[in-house]
Amino acid sequence: MDPYDDKSRDYDRRAGQALVNFYNLAKAGGGHSGEAVSPPYRDLLDAAEATFRAGIDAGDLTKVVAGWNELTDIAANIAHANARVGTVLLATVVNHLEQTPEEVIAQVRVEAEKNSA
């Protein structure tokens, strides 16, 4: 099985959209980050929550576990996709600015802190 499969591509697409949404939100003056980050994943999260909730409502432990496992899988895939997309962005900036990754990340952290206040 290809380690970079269709599921990985889908999550990378979603992570990229979340980053663009978050950037646009910050550029527009800010707001709650969930407004930007949640929409690309909403359909996946809603489906997993529905499975979990249906299991709770029916007293079906198998369905509860399946819903919980879906939610955990989504969280793991979001983290991996963000890391992949972030790594490519970091490499692009490092190559363009000819700075070390540590210097770029230090600048990013300063900007993130300024925009979070």
PDB file of N, CA and C in Angstrom:
ATOM      1  N   MET A   1       0.835  -1.186   0.000  1.00  0.00           N
ATOM      2  CA  MET A   1       0.000   0.000   0.000  1.00  0.00           C
ATOM      3  C   MET A   1       0.878   1.247   0.000  1.00  0.00           C
ATOM      4  N   ASP A   2       0.551   2.188  -0.833  1.00  0.00           N
ATOM      5  CA  ASP A   2       1.274   3.450  -0.941  1.00  0.00           C
ATOM      6  C   ASP A   2       1.111   4.233   0.365  1.00  0.00           C
ATOM      7  N   PRO A   3       2.230   4.621   1.010  1.00  0.00           N
ATOM      8  CA  PRO A   3       2.097   5.363   2.265  1.00  0.00           C
ATOM      9  C   PRO A   3       1.428   6.729   2.065  1.00  0.00           C
ATOM     10  N   TYR A   4       1.512   7.254   0.857  1.00  0.00           N
ATOM     11  CA  TYR A   4       0.805   8.502   0.556  1.00  0.00           C
ATOM     12  C   TYR A   4      -0.363   8.146  -0.352  1.00  0.00           C
ATOM     13  N   ASP A   5      -1.473   7.818   0.290  1.00  0.00           N
ATOM     14  CA  ASP A   5      -2.628   7.309  -0.433  1.00  0.00           C
ATOM     15  C   ASP A   5      -3.695   8.399  -0.601  1.00  0.00           C
ATOM     16  N   ASP A   6      -4.843   7.992  -1.125  1.00  0.00           N
ATOM     17  CA  ASP A   6      -5.930   8.944  -1.364  1.00  0.00           C
ATOM     18  C   ASP A   6      -6.399   9.609  -0.073  1.00  0.00           C
ATOM     19  N   LYS A   7      -6.400   8.855   1.023  1.00  0.00           N
ATOM     20  CA  LYS A   7      -6.817   9.428   2.306  1.00  0.00           C
ATOM     21  C   LYS A   7      -5.848  10.539   2.725  1.00  0.00           C
ATOM     22  N   SER A   8      -4.549  10.298   2.558  1.00  0.00           N
ATOM     23  CA  SER A   8      -3.546  11.322   2.882  1.00  0.00           C
ATOM     24  C   SER A   8      -3.723  12.554   1.998  1.00  0.00           C
ATOM     25  N   ARG A   9      -3.956  12.337   0.724  1.00  0.00           N
ATOM     26  CA  ARG A   9      -4.174  13.461  -0.200  1.00  0.00           C
ATOM     27  C   ARG A   9      -5.403  14.271   0.220  1.00  0.00           C
ATOM     28  N   ASP A  10      -6.468  13.568   0.597  1.00  0.00           N
ATOM     29  CA  ASP A  10      -7.687  14.257   1.027  1.00  0.00           C
ATOM     30  C   ASP A  10      -7.426  15.093   2.279  1.00  0.00           C
ATOM     31  N   TYR A  11      -6.720  14.528   3.252  1.00  0.00           N
ATOM     32  CA  TYR A  11      -6.430  15.285   4.467  1.00  0.00           C
ATOM     33  C   TYR A  11      -5.479  16.447   4.188  1.00  0.00           C
ATOM     34  N   ASP A  12      -4.528  16.270   3.294  1.00  0.00           N
ATOM     35  CA  ASP A  12      -3.642  17.379   2.937  1.00  0.00           C
ATOM     36  C   ASP A  12      -4.429  18.509   2.288  1.00  0.00           C
ATOM     37  N   ARG A  13      -5.392  18.144   1.438  1.00  0.00           N
ATOM     38  CA  ARG A  13      -6.257  19.158   0.817  1.00  0.00           C
ATOM     39  C   ARG A  13      -7.038  19.904   1.889  1.00  0.00           C
ATOM     40  N   ARG A  14      -7.591  19.154   2.844  1.00  0.00           N
ATOM     41  CA  ARG A  14      -8.360  19.767   3.927  1.00  0.00           C
ATOM     42  C   ARG A  14      -7.465  20.648   4.806  1.00  0.00           C
ATOM     43  N   ALA A  15      -6.244  20.173   5.102  1.00  0.00           N
ATOM     44  CA  ALA A  15      -5.309  20.963   5.919  1.00  0.00           C
ATOM     45  C   ALA A  15      -4.930  22.251   5.199  1.00  0.00           C
ATOM     46  N   GLY A  16      -4.705  22.149   3.902  1.00  0.00           N
ATOM     47  CA  GLY A  16      -4.389  23.346   3.125  1.00  0.00           C
ATOM     48  C   GLY A  16      -5.537  24.344   3.153  1.00  0.00           C
ATOM     49  N   GLN A  17      -6.765  23.847   3.021  1.00  0.00           N
ATOM     50  CA  GLN A  17      -7.922  24.740   3.065  1.00  0.00           C
ATOM     51  C   GLN A  17      -8.064  25.377   4.443  1.00  0.00           C
ATOM     52  N   ALA A  18      -7.819  24.609   5.498  1.00  0.00           N
ATOM     53  CA  ALA A  18      -7.893  25.164   6.855  1.00  0.00           C
ATOM     54  C   ALA A  18      -6.849  26.262   7.045  1.00  0.00           C
ATOM     55  N   LEU A  19      -5.642  26.064   6.519  1.00  0.00           N
ATOM     56  CA  LEU A  19      -4.604  27.094   6.629  1.00  0.00           C
ATOM     57  C   LEU A  19      -4.995  28.361   5.873  1.00  0.00           C
ATOM     58  N   VAL A  20      -5.520  28.195   4.666  1.00  0.00           N
ATOM     59  CA  VAL A  20      -5.968  29.360   3.894  1.00  0.00           C
ATOM     60  C   VAL A  20      -7.096  30.076   4.635  1.00  0.00           C
ATOM     61  N   ASN A  21      -8.047  29.319   5.160  1.00  0.00           N
ATOM     62  CA  ASN A  21      -9.157  29.920   5.918  1.00  0.00           C
ATOM     63  C   ASN A  21      -8.637  30.690   7.123  1.00  0.00           C
ATOM     64  N   PHE A  22      -7.691  30.089   7.841  1.00  0.00           N
ATOM     65  CA  PHE A  22      -7.138  30.729   9.035  1.00  0.00           C
ATOM     66  C   PHE A  22      -6.382  31.997   8.654  1.00  0.00           C
ATOM     67  N   TYR A  23      -5.618  31.939   7.579  1.00  0.00           N
ATOM     68  CA  TYR A  23      -4.903  33.115   7.084  1.00  0.00           C
ATOM     69  C   TYR A  23      -5.898  34.228   6.742  1.00  0.00           C
ATOM     70  N   ASN A  24      -6.937  33.884   5.997  1.00  0.00           N
ATOM     71  CA  ASN A  24      -7.937  34.888   5.616  1.00  0.00           C
ATOM     72  C   ASN A  24      -8.639  35.476   6.826  1.00  0.00           C
ATOM     73  N   LEU A  25      -8.906  34.652   7.832  1.00  0.00           N
ATOM     74  CA  LEU A  25      -9.529  35.141   9.064  1.00  0.00           C
ATOM     75  C   LEU A  25      -8.609  36.136   9.764  1.00  0.00           C
ATOM     76  N   ALA A  26      -7.324  35.798   9.880  1.00  0.00           N
ATOM     77  CA  ALA A  26      -6.354  36.697  10.526  1.00  0.00           C
ATOM     78  C   ALA A  26      -6.207  37.988   9.728  1.00  0.00           C
ATOM     79  N   LYS A  27      -6.146  37.861   8.411  1.00  0.00           N
ATOM     80  CA  LYS A  27      -5.992  39.031   7.545  1.00  0.00           C
ATOM     81  C   LYS A  27      -7.191  39.969   7.663  1.00  0.00           C
ATOM     82  N   ALA A  28      -8.370  39.394   7.905  1.00  0.00           N
ATOM     83  CA  ALA A  28      -9.593  40.186   8.031  1.00  0.00           C
ATOM     84  C   ALA A  28      -9.746  40.791   9.426  1.00  0.00           C
ATOM     85  N   GLY A  29      -8.794  40.541  10.306  1.00  0.00           N
ATOM     86  CA  GLY A  29      -8.861  41.155  11.627  1.00  0.00           C
ATOM     87  C   GLY A  29      -9.051  40.178  12.756  1.00  0.00           C
ATOM     88  N   GLY A  30      -9.160  38.899  12.454  1.00  0.00           N
ATOM     89  CA  GLY A  30      -9.225  37.898  13.511  1.00  0.00           C
ATOM     90  C   GLY A  30     -10.610  37.356  13.742  1.00  0.00           C
ATOM     91  N   GLY A  31     -10.700  36.529  14.728  1.00  0.00           N
ATOM     92  CA  GLY A  31     -11.926  35.830  15.072  1.00  0.00           C
ATOM     93  C   GLY A  31     -11.556  34.521  15.723  1.00  0.00           C
ATOM     94  N   HIS A  32     -12.531  33.702  16.011  1.00  0.00           N
ATOM     95  CA  HIS A  32     -12.267  32.411  16.641  1.00  0.00           C
ATOM     96  C   HIS A  32     -11.688  31.456  15.603  1.00  0.00           C
ATOM     97  N   SER A  33     -10.575  30.818  15.926  1.00  0.00           N
ATOM     98  CA  SER A  33      -9.898  29.955  14.961  1.00  0.00           C
ATOM     99  C   SER A  33     -10.770  28.798  14.502  1.00  0.00           C
ATOM    100  N   GLY A  34     -11.691  28.359  15.340  1.00  0.00           N
ATOM    101  CA  GLY A  34     -12.587  27.277  14.949  1.00  0.00           C
ATOM    102  C   GLY A  34     -13.420  27.623  13.735  1.00  0.00           C
ATOM    103  N   GLU A  35     -13.712  28.920  13.561  1.00  0.00           N
ATOM    104  CA  GLU A  35     -14.470  29.363  12.391  1.00  0.00           C
ATOM    105  C   GLU A  35     -13.709  29.071  11.106  1.00  0.00           C
ATOM    106  N   ALA A  36     -12.398  29.078  11.186  1.00  0.00           N
ATOM    107  CA  ALA A  36     -11.575  28.867  10.004  1.00  0.00           C
ATOM    108  C   ALA A  36     -11.175  27.413   9.831  1.00  0.00           C
ATOM    109  N   VAL A  37     -10.863  26.760  10.935  1.00  0.00           N
ATOM    110  CA  VAL A  37     -10.276  25.431  10.871  1.00  0.00           C
ATOM    111  C   VAL A  37     -11.325  24.332  10.748  1.00  0.00           C
ATOM    112  N   SER A  38     -12.458  24.486  11.368  1.00  0.00           N
ATOM    113  CA  SER A  38     -13.460  23.424  11.399  1.00  0.00           C
ATOM    114  C   SER A  38     -14.115  23.084  10.066  1.00  0.00           C
ATOM    115  N   PRO A  39     -14.474  24.059   9.217  1.00  0.00           N
ATOM    116  CA  PRO A  39     -15.240  23.717   8.014  1.00  0.00           C
ATOM    117  C   PRO A  39     -14.644  22.624   7.127  1.00  0.00           C
ATOM    118  N   PRO A  40     -13.326  22.599   6.867  1.00  0.00           N
ATOM    119  CA  PRO A  40     -12.819  21.535   5.998  1.00  0.00           C
ATOM    120  C   PRO A  40     -13.002  20.122   6.559  1.00  0.00           C
ATOM    121  N   TYR A  41     -13.144  20.019   7.868  1.00  0.00           N
ATOM    122  CA  TYR A  41     -13.265  18.706   8.503  1.00  0.00           C
ATOM    123  C   TYR A  41     -14.684  18.408   8.981  1.00  0.00           C
ATOM    124  N   ARG A  42     -15.594  19.367   8.838  1.00  0.00           N
ATOM    125  CA  ARG A  42     -16.925  19.255   9.434  1.00  0.00           C
ATOM    126  C   ARG A  42     -17.651  17.989   9.019  1.00  0.00           C
ATOM    127  N   ASP A  43     -17.636  17.630   7.728  1.00  0.00           N
ATOM    128  CA  ASP A  43     -18.372  16.452   7.275  1.00  0.00           C
ATOM    129  C   ASP A  43     -17.833  15.179   7.929  1.00  0.00           C
ATOM    130  N   LEU A  44     -16.509  15.075   8.053  1.00  0.00           N
ATOM    131  CA  LEU A  44     -15.911  13.901   8.689  1.00  0.00           C
ATOM    132  C   LEU A  44     -16.262  13.839  10.174  1.00  0.00           C
ATOM    133  N   LEU A  45     -16.148  14.977  10.844  1.00  0.00           N
ATOM    134  CA  LEU A  45     -16.438  15.027  12.279  1.00  0.00           C
ATOM    135  C   LEU A  45     -17.911  14.740  12.553  1.00  0.00           C
ATOM    136  N   ASP A  46     -18.793  15.298  11.734  1.00  0.00           N
ATOM    137  CA  ASP A  46     -20.226  15.063  11.925  1.00  0.00           C
ATOM    138  C   ASP A  46     -20.578  13.584  11.749  1.00  0.00           C
ATOM    139  N   ALA A  47     -19.977  12.934  10.751  1.00  0.00           N
ATOM    140  CA  ALA A  47     -20.268  11.511  10.509  1.00  0.00           C
ATOM    141  C   ALA A  47     -19.777  10.657  11.678  1.00  0.00           C
ATOM    142  N   ALA A  48     -18.580  10.943  12.171  1.00  0.00           N
ATOM    143  CA  ALA A  48     -18.047  10.173  13.300  1.00  0.00           C
ATOM    144  C   ALA A  48     -18.877  10.408  14.561  1.00  0.00           C
ATOM    145  N   GLU A  49     -19.263  11.654  14.782  1.00  0.00           N
ATOM    146  CA  GLU A  49     -20.084  11.955  15.953  1.00  0.00           C
ATOM    147  C   GLU A  49     -21.446  11.272  15.855  1.00  0.00           C
ATOM    148  N   ALA A  50     -22.014  11.230  14.652  1.00  0.00           N
ATOM    149  CA  ALA A  50     -23.319  10.578  14.461  1.00  0.00           C
ATOM    150  C   ALA A  50     -23.218   9.082  14.777  1.00  0.00           C
ATOM    151  N   THR A  51     -22.125   8.452  14.360  1.00  0.00           N
ATOM    152  CA  THR A  51     -21.925   7.033  14.672  1.00  0.00           C
ATOM    153  C   THR A  51     -21.820   6.839  16.178  1.00  0.00           C
ATOM    154  N   PHE A  52     -21.027   7.677  16.815  1.00  0.00           N
ATOM    155  CA  PHE A  52     -20.835   7.605  18.261  1.00  0.00           C
ATOM    156  C   PHE A  52     -22.163   7.812  18.993  1.00  0.00           C
ATOM    157  N   ARG A  53     -22.879   8.867  18.619  1.00  0.00           N
ATOM    158  CA  ARG A  53     -24.145   9.204  19.278  1.00  0.00           C
ATOM    159  C   ARG A  53     -25.196   8.117  19.063  1.00  0.00           C
ATOM    160  N   ALA A  54     -25.256   7.559  17.852  1.00  0.00           N
ATOM    161  CA  ALA A  54     -26.209   6.483  17.576  1.00  0.00           C
ATOM    162  C   ALA A  54     -25.920   5.283  18.473  1.00  0.00           C
ATOM    163  N   GLY A  55     -24.650   5.000  18.673  1.00  0.00           N
ATOM    164  CA  GLY A  55     -24.265   3.909  19.565  1.00  0.00           C
ATOM    165  C   GLY A  55     -24.677   4.175  20.996  1.00  0.00           C
ATOM    166  N   ILE A  56     -24.480   5.395  21.461  1.00  0.00           N
ATOM    167  CA  ILE A  56     -24.893   5.776  22.824  1.00  0.00           C
ATOM    168  C   ILE A  56     -26.400   5.632  22.966  1.00  0.00           C
ATOM    169  N   ASP A  57     -27.126   6.215  22.018  1.00  0.00           N
ATOM    170  CA  ASP A  57     -28.587   6.192  22.079  1.00  0.00           C
ATOM    171  C   ASP A  57     -29.155   4.776  22.042  1.00  0.00           C
ATOM    172  N   ALA A  58     -28.509   3.882  21.284  1.00  0.00           N
ATOM    173  CA  ALA A  58     -28.997   2.510  21.150  1.00  0.00           C
ATOM    174  C   ALA A  58     -28.396   1.566  22.192  1.00  0.00           C
ATOM    175  N   GLY A  59     -27.448   2.078  22.976  1.00  0.00           N
ATOM    176  CA  GLY A  59     -26.760   1.209  23.933  1.00  0.00           C
ATOM    177  C   GLY A  59     -25.891   0.179  23.239  1.00  0.00           C
ATOM    178  N   ASP A  60     -25.417   0.522  22.043  1.00  0.00           N
ATOM    179  CA  ASP A  60     -24.616  -0.389  21.225  1.00  0.00           C
ATOM    180  C   ASP A  60     -23.141  -0.031  21.384  1.00  0.00           C
ATOM    181  N   LEU A  61     -22.456  -0.791  22.235  1.00  0.00           N
ATOM    182  CA  LEU A  61     -21.055  -0.506  22.533  1.00  0.00           C
ATOM    183  C   LEU A  61     -20.169  -0.611  21.287  1.00  0.00           C
ATOM    184  N   THR A  62     -20.490  -1.511  20.389  1.00  0.00           N
ATOM    185  CA  THR A  62     -19.711  -1.664  19.160  1.00  0.00           C
ATOM    186  C   THR A  62     -19.758  -0.383  18.336  1.00  0.00           C
ATOM    187  N   LYS A  63     -20.935   0.225  18.235  1.00  0.00           N
ATOM    188  CA  LYS A  63     -21.088   1.464  17.477  1.00  0.00           C
ATOM    189  C   LYS A  63     -20.411   2.634  18.197  1.00  0.00           C
ATOM    190  N   VAL A  64     -20.498   2.640  19.518  1.00  0.00           N
ATOM    191  CA  VAL A  64     -19.822   3.681  20.307  1.00  0.00           C
ATOM    192  C   VAL A  64     -18.327   3.627  20.034  1.00  0.00           C
ATOM    193  N   VAL A  65     -17.758   2.436  20.100  1.00  0.00           N
ATOM    194  CA  VAL A  65     -16.322   2.254  19.862  1.00  0.00           C
ATOM    195  C   VAL A  65     -15.968   2.653  18.426  1.00  0.00           C
ATOM    196  N   ALA A  66     -16.804   2.272  17.468  1.00  0.00           N
ATOM    197  CA  ALA A  66     -16.542   2.621  16.069  1.00  0.00           C
ATOM    198  C   ALA A  66     -16.529   4.137  15.883  1.00  0.00           C
ATOM    199  N   GLY A  67     -17.491   4.821  16.476  1.00  0.00           N
ATOM    200  CA  GLY A  67     -17.537   6.288  16.390  1.00  0.00           C
ATOM    201  C   GLY A  67     -16.330   6.927  17.054  1.00  0.00           C
ATOM    202  N   TRP A  68     -15.960   6.404  18.218  1.00  0.00           N
ATOM    203  CA  TRP A  68     -14.786   6.932  18.921  1.00  0.00           C
ATOM    204  C   TRP A  68     -13.520   6.698  18.091  1.00  0.00           C
ATOM    205  N   ASN A  69     -13.401   5.502  17.517  1.00  0.00           N
ATOM    206  CA  ASN A  69     -12.235   5.205  16.682  1.00  0.00           C
ATOM    207  C   ASN A  69     -12.171   6.113  15.455  1.00  0.00           C
ATOM    208  N   GLU A  70     -13.331   6.425  14.870  1.00  0.00           N
ATOM    209  CA  GLU A  70     -13.369   7.356  13.740  1.00  0.00           C
ATOM    210  C   GLU A  70     -12.863   8.730  14.165  1.00  0.00           C
ATOM    211  N   LEU A  71     -13.328   9.209  15.322  1.00  0.00           N
ATOM    212  CA  LEU A  71     -12.894  10.524  15.816  1.00  0.00           C
ATOM    213  C   LEU A  71     -11.384  10.539  16.078  1.00  0.00           C
ATOM    214  N   THR A  72     -10.864   9.472  16.653  1.00  0.00           N
ATOM    215  CA  THR A  72      -9.429   9.395  16.926  1.00  0.00           C
ATOM    216  C   THR A  72      -8.632   9.352  15.623  1.00  0.00           C
ATOM    217  N   ASP A  73      -9.131   8.607  14.656  1.00  0.00           N
ATOM    218  CA  ASP A  73      -8.469   8.526  13.358  1.00  0.00           C
ATOM    219  C   ASP A  73      -8.453   9.896  12.671  1.00  0.00           C
ATOM    220  N   ILE A  74      -9.542  10.619  12.770  1.00  0.00           N
ATOM    221  CA  ILE A  74      -9.616  11.964  12.180  1.00  0.00           C
ATOM    222  C   ILE A  74      -8.580  12.873  12.839  1.00  0.00           C
ATOM    223  N   ALA A  75      -8.518  12.845  14.169  1.00  0.00           N
ATOM    224  CA  ALA A  75      -7.555  13.689  14.881  1.00  0.00           C
ATOM    225  C   ALA A  75      -6.123  13.363  14.465  1.00  0.00           C
ATOM    226  N   ALA A  76      -5.797  12.087  14.357  1.00  0.00           N
ATOM    227  CA  ALA A  76      -4.448  11.683  13.951  1.00  0.00           C
ATOM    228  C   ALA A  76      -4.152  12.125  12.522  1.00  0.00           C
ATOM    229  N   ASN A  77      -5.108  11.950  11.630  1.00  0.00           N
ATOM    230  CA  ASN A  77      -4.896  12.348  10.241  1.00  0.00           C
ATOM    231  C   ASN A  77      -4.787  13.853  10.077  1.00  0.00           C
ATOM    232  N   ILE A  78      -5.531  14.616  10.870  1.00  0.00           N
ATOM    233  CA  ILE A  78      -5.407  16.079  10.842  1.00  0.00           C
ATOM    234  C   ILE A  78      -3.992  16.470  11.262  1.00  0.00           C
ATOM    235  N   ALA A  79      -3.492  15.872  12.333  1.00  0.00           N
ATOM    236  CA  ALA A  79      -2.139  16.189  12.803  1.00  0.00           C
ATOM    237  C   ALA A  79      -1.097  15.852  11.741  1.00  0.00           C
ATOM    238  N   HIS A  80      -1.219  14.674  11.129  1.00  0.00           N
ATOM    239  CA  HIS A  80      -0.255  14.277  10.104  1.00  0.00           C
ATOM    240  C   HIS A  80      -0.322  15.202   8.890  1.00  0.00           C
ATOM    241  N   ALA A  81      -1.526  15.537   8.463  1.00  0.00           N
ATOM    242  CA  ALA A  81      -1.682  16.411   7.292  1.00  0.00           C
ATOM    243  C   ALA A  81      -1.116  17.793   7.583  1.00  0.00           C
ATOM    244  N   ASN A  82      -1.392  18.323   8.765  1.00  0.00           N
ATOM    245  CA  ASN A  82      -0.848  19.634   9.109  1.00  0.00           C
ATOM    246  C   ASN A  82       0.673  19.599   9.134  1.00  0.00           C
ATOM    247  N   ALA A  83       1.245  18.522   9.626  1.00  0.00           N
ATOM    248  CA  ALA A  83       2.701  18.395   9.661  1.00  0.00           C
ATOM    249  C   ALA A  83       3.268  18.329   8.242  1.00  0.00           C
ATOM    250  N   ARG A  84       2.622  17.556   7.356  1.00  0.00           N
ATOM    251  CA  ARG A  84       3.117  17.464   5.975  1.00  0.00           C
ATOM    252  C   ARG A  84       3.035  18.812   5.268  1.00  0.00           C
ATOM    253  N   VAL A  85       1.868  19.442   5.356  1.00  0.00           N
ATOM    254  CA  VAL A  85       1.668  20.727   4.683  1.00  0.00           C
ATOM    255  C   VAL A  85       2.599  21.782   5.295  1.00  0.00           C
ATOM    256  N   GLY A  86       2.704  21.794   6.611  1.00  0.00           N
ATOM    257  CA  GLY A  86       3.583  22.744   7.288  1.00  0.00           C
ATOM    258  C   GLY A  86       5.042  22.551   6.915  1.00  0.00           C
ATOM    259  N   THR A  87       5.466  21.308   6.765  1.00  0.00           N
ATOM    260  CA  THR A  87       6.851  21.020   6.398  1.00  0.00           C
ATOM    261  C   THR A  87       7.169  21.557   5.005  1.00  0.00           C
ATOM    262  N   VAL A  88       6.247  21.368   4.080  1.00  0.00           N
ATOM    263  CA  VAL A  88       6.468  21.878   2.724  1.00  0.00           C
ATOM    264  C   VAL A  88       6.495  23.409   2.738  1.00  0.00           C
ATOM    265  N   LEU A  89       5.593  24.026   3.492  1.00  0.00           N
ATOM    266  CA  LEU A  89       5.606  25.486   3.600  1.00  0.00           C
ATOM    267  C   LEU A  89       6.916  25.974   4.214  1.00  0.00           C
ATOM    268  N   LEU A  90       7.368  25.306   5.269  1.00  0.00           N
ATOM    269  CA  LEU A  90       8.620  25.676   5.918  1.00  0.00           C
ATOM    270  C   LEU A  90       9.786  25.549   4.938  1.00  0.00           C
ATOM    271  N   ALA A  91       9.853  24.461   4.221  1.00  0.00           N
ATOM    272  CA  ALA A  91      10.934  24.262   3.248  1.00  0.00           C
ATOM    273  C   ALA A  91      10.920  25.352   2.182  1.00  0.00           C
ATOM    274  N   THR A  92       9.737  25.738   1.739  1.00  0.00           N
ATOM    275  CA  THR A  92       9.617  26.785   0.733  1.00  0.00           C
ATOM    276  C   THR A  92      10.152  28.111   1.266  1.00  0.00           C
ATOM    277  N   VAL A  93       9.774  28.450   2.490  1.00  0.00           N
ATOM    278  CA  VAL A  93      10.227  29.709   3.087  1.00  0.00           C
ATOM    279  C   VAL A  93      11.734  29.671   3.343  1.00  0.00           C
ATOM    280  N   VAL A  94      12.225  28.571   3.873  1.00  0.00           N
ATOM    281  CA  VAL A  94      13.662  28.431   4.137  1.00  0.00           C
ATOM    282  C   VAL A  94      14.445  28.615   2.834  1.00  0.00           C
ATOM    283  N   ASN A  95      14.015  27.957   1.775  1.00  0.00           N
ATOM    284  CA  ASN A  95      14.713  28.070   0.495  1.00  0.00           C
ATOM    285  C   ASN A  95      14.617  29.472  -0.088  1.00  0.00           C
ATOM    286  N   HIS A  96      13.490  30.106   0.091  1.00  0.00           N
ATOM    287  CA  HIS A  96      13.284  31.445  -0.469  1.00  0.00           C
ATOM    288  C   HIS A  96      14.049  32.510   0.313  1.00  0.00           C
ATOM    289  N   LEU A  97      14.014  32.428   1.629  1.00  0.00           N
ATOM    290  CA  LEU A  97      14.646  33.457   2.471  1.00  0.00           C
ATOM    291  C   LEU A  97      16.087  33.142   2.839  1.00  0.00           C
ATOM    292  N   GLU A  98      16.502  31.900   2.561  1.00  0.00           N
ATOM    293  CA  GLU A  98      17.843  31.456   2.911  1.00  0.00           C
ATOM    294  C   GLU A  98      18.140  31.643   4.397  1.00  0.00           C
ATOM    295  N   GLN A  99      17.154  31.294   5.211  1.00  0.00           N
ATOM    296  CA  GLN A  99      17.305  31.286   6.658  1.00  0.00           C
ATOM    297  C   GLN A  99      17.205  29.835   7.126  1.00  0.00           C
ATOM    298  N   THR A 100      17.630  29.591   8.361  1.00  0.00           N
ATOM    299  CA  THR A 100      17.493  28.243   8.899  1.00  0.00           C
ATOM    300  C   THR A 100      16.039  27.995   9.271  1.00  0.00           C
ATOM    301  N   PRO A 101      15.641  26.733   9.340  1.00  0.00           N
ATOM    302  CA  PRO A 101      14.273  26.428   9.773  1.00  0.00           C
ATOM    303  C   PRO A 101      13.993  26.998  11.171  1.00  0.00           C
ATOM    304  N   GLU A 102      14.993  26.961  12.037  1.00  0.00           N
ATOM    305  CA  GLU A 102      14.811  27.486  13.398  1.00  0.00           C
ATOM    306  C   GLU A 102      14.534  28.990  13.385  1.00  0.00           C
ATOM    307  N   GLU A 103      15.230  29.719  12.520  1.00  0.00           N
ATOM    308  CA  GLU A 103      15.000  31.162  12.418  1.00  0.00           C
ATOM    309  C   GLU A 103      13.592  31.456  11.909  1.00  0.00           C
ATOM    310  N   VAL A 104      13.173  30.707  10.912  1.00  0.00           N
ATOM    311  CA  VAL A 104      11.839  30.914  10.346  1.00  0.00           C
ATOM    312  C   VAL A 104      10.770  30.602  11.391  1.00  0.00           C
ATOM    313  N   ILE A 105      10.913  29.485  12.081  1.00  0.00           N
ATOM    314  CA  ILE A 105       9.920  29.110  13.099  1.00  0.00           C
ATOM    315  C   ILE A 105       9.896  30.127  14.230  1.00  0.00           C
ATOM    316  N   ALA A 106      11.044  30.650  14.626  1.00  0.00           N
ATOM    317  CA  ALA A 106      11.075  31.687  15.665  1.00  0.00           C
ATOM    318  C   ALA A 106      10.269  32.905  15.226  1.00  0.00           C
ATOM    319  N   GLN A 107      10.412  33.303  13.958  1.00  0.00           N
ATOM    320  CA  GLN A 107       9.640  34.433  13.427  1.00  0.00           C
ATOM    321  C   GLN A 107       8.150  34.107  13.383  1.00  0.00           C
ATOM    322  N   VAL A 108       7.834  32.880  12.990  1.00  0.00           N
ATOM    323  CA  VAL A 108       6.431  32.456  12.923  1.00  0.00           C
ATOM    324  C   VAL A 108       5.804  32.503  14.313  1.00  0.00           C
ATOM    325  N   ARG A 109       6.529  32.019  15.311  1.00  0.00           N
ATOM    326  CA  ARG A 109       5.996  32.010  16.685  1.00  0.00           C
ATOM    327  C   ARG A 109       5.737  33.424  17.177  1.00  0.00           C
ATOM    328  N   VAL A 110       6.635  34.364  16.856  1.00  0.00           N
ATOM    329  CA  VAL A 110       6.436  35.764  17.243  1.00  0.00           C
ATOM    330  C   VAL A 110       5.169  36.304  16.598  1.00  0.00           C
ATOM    331  N   GLU A 111       5.016  36.057  15.302  1.00  0.00           N
ATOM    332  CA  GLU A 111       3.820  36.539  14.593  1.00  0.00           C
ATOM    333  C   GLU A 111       2.552  35.882  15.116  1.00  0.00           C
ATOM    334  N   ALA A 112       2.621  34.585  15.393  1.00  0.00           N
ATOM    335  CA  ALA A 112       1.445  33.885  15.913  1.00  0.00           C
ATOM    336  C   ALA A 112       1.042  34.458  17.267  1.00  0.00           C
ATOM    337  N   GLU A 113       2.026  34.746  18.103  1.00  0.00           N
ATOM    338  CA  GLU A 113       1.720  35.331  19.418  1.00  0.00           C
ATOM    339  C   GLU A 113       1.105  36.709  19.275  1.00  0.00           C
ATOM    340  N   LYS A 114       1.625  37.509  18.355  1.00  0.00           N
ATOM    341  CA  LYS A 114       1.071  38.858  18.128  1.00  0.00           C
ATOM    342  C   LYS A 114      -0.379  38.774  17.659  1.00  0.00           C
ATOM    343  N   ASN A 115      -0.654  37.804  16.772  1.00  0.00           N
ATOM    344  CA  ASN A 115      -1.996  37.678  16.204  1.00  0.00           C
ATOM    345  C   ASN A 115      -2.965  36.956  17.125  1.00  0.00           C
ATOM    346  N   SER A 116      -2.452  36.377  18.209  1.00  0.00           N
ATOM    347  CA  SER A 116      -3.324  35.669  19.148  1.00  0.00           C
ATOM    348  C   SER A 116      -3.752  36.553  20.304  1.00  0.00           C
ATOM    349  N   ALA A 117      -3.115  37.697  20.427  1.00  0.00           N
ATOM    350  CA  ALA A 117      -3.416  38.582  21.563  1.00  0.00           C
ATOM    351  C   ALA A 117      -4.699  39.325  21.375  1.00  0.00           C
TER     352      ALA A 117
END
